[in-house]
Each structure stands twice: as structure tokens, then as C-alpha cells.
Amino acid sequence: MPGEMESRIRVAGLTVALYHTHDYLRRLCRDYLVPPTAAPDLTVSLDPGEIEAEAARPGGLRGTPGQVESLCLCRKLADLLPTYGVLLFHAAAVRVGERGFAFAGPSGIGKSTHAGLWAEYFGATFVNGDKPLLICREDEVLVCGSPWAGKEGRQQNVTVPLGGLCFVRRAKENRIRRLPAEEAAARLLSQSLTPREADAAGSWLTLLDRVARLVPLWEIECDISRRAAELSYRTMTGSP
């Protein structure tokens, strides 16, 4: 496309060549940029008119042209990643020591708020506040940062083992329970973007099953309070 630029980033152990027309993308990815000589593992670009079509779609992406372009590229990247053993997951992920913990649920449910309570009271740092990446190996799942981190932009370019994933529900009383893998399967499906390519979709389902088997999964019903954060922190980290 006219005026197209290329930025190369390193995420989830992969070098990605992104083709874009707005400088917003490069600024967004500043913590992940690598030299243009780095050989890409995959390439992501948009078709002409794709941004305009997305912006015009009812319920489509909103923002400046640069923001919409960056989100369209994120969506395309998410389509490709399962083939490489990686999932883009809709969650707020934090780091405690050498482990990561993630909070998932529908938009507006309070997962970022709950993660923020961990940061406020227990010194956790954000890995990503909206779209962390999960590297799904045969024997472990790692969580890592990505440039796409929501409105607050809370992210860091780190990779740590995923020590637990908690689905958040609002309630007047605070309680938490461990989820069996089969019960969590539908929730995992809802929080990860379904690839549009058939081959990638098969890999995506395999990776979600791996997350269900390898990662401790929880559900917390809670309010927005320190007591709720203390309950999830003690339970998920094993702290006294």
C-alpha cells in the first residue's frame, strides 16, 4: 500500500514483520522492536480497504486510524499464532516473583481492577493488562507481554511461567474455587480469539486443551476490595 512501513517486533519468542501505514503502530511496539535485519518468523499485513471496512462495520473497532490499524494487525497476528504454539488471550496478567497470574472474564467484569489490587497491595507488576500471549509448550504454559495492552497500556516485555488463571465474577460475597479442566474449557474458549483459518483453528483447540491441563484454573466471585484480592492472592500463590 502507498506509504507502507515495516516494523519488526519480537513477541512470544517469534520475530514478526508488521506492515503498516501509521506511525502509531511503531510507537505502540517500541518495547518489542528488533533490528530490521532480524529474520521474521511470520509476516502480517492488511489488505487495501480493510481498515475502512472494519471501522464501518456495526460494532467494529473504534479509535484513530492508527489505533484501528494496529488492532486489525493484532487480530491478523492472533489468527496466525496458534500454528506456532501461541495464543492471544483476553485477560489481565501480572507477575509475582518469577511466576505470572492471569484474570479473565467478559469486558467490564473487573479483571483489570482485580489485577490492579494485586499490584497495589502485594507488589505485583503488570505483564499485560488486556491481551497477554500464552506460549503453550508440551509441559508448561508461559505468559508474556504484548504491545496491545488496552487503554491503560500496562505491559512489560517479559516472559514467565503461568502459575494460575482465574475467571472473575462479580458478587457481594467473596469466595474462590478450583475449576476442573472440563468446566473451564468453555470459558477458555470465550477468552481467546477464534482463528479464521481452519488449520490454525485446530491448533488453537489443542493449545486451549493444553492450558486446561497444565495451568491451575480458578473462579472467584468477589467485590472490589482488599479482602477479595487477599483471598485470590493467598489461594493462587499458596502464600499464608
Foldseek 3Di string as FASTA:
>chain_A
DPQKDWWWFAAPNFIEIEIDRDCVLCVLRVQTTDDPVDDGPYYFYDDPPPLVVQCPDVVGDDDPSVVSRNVVRVLRVQLPCLVVQKFWFFWWWWDDVQEIETEDDDPPQCRLLLVVLCCVPPVIATQAQTIWMWRQDPAFIKTHHDSPHPPVRRHHGDIGTHQAYEYEHEDPDKDKDWDQLVVCLVVRVVGTDQHPDPVSNVSVSVRSSSCSPRYTYMYIHYHNDNVNSVVCCCVRVVPD
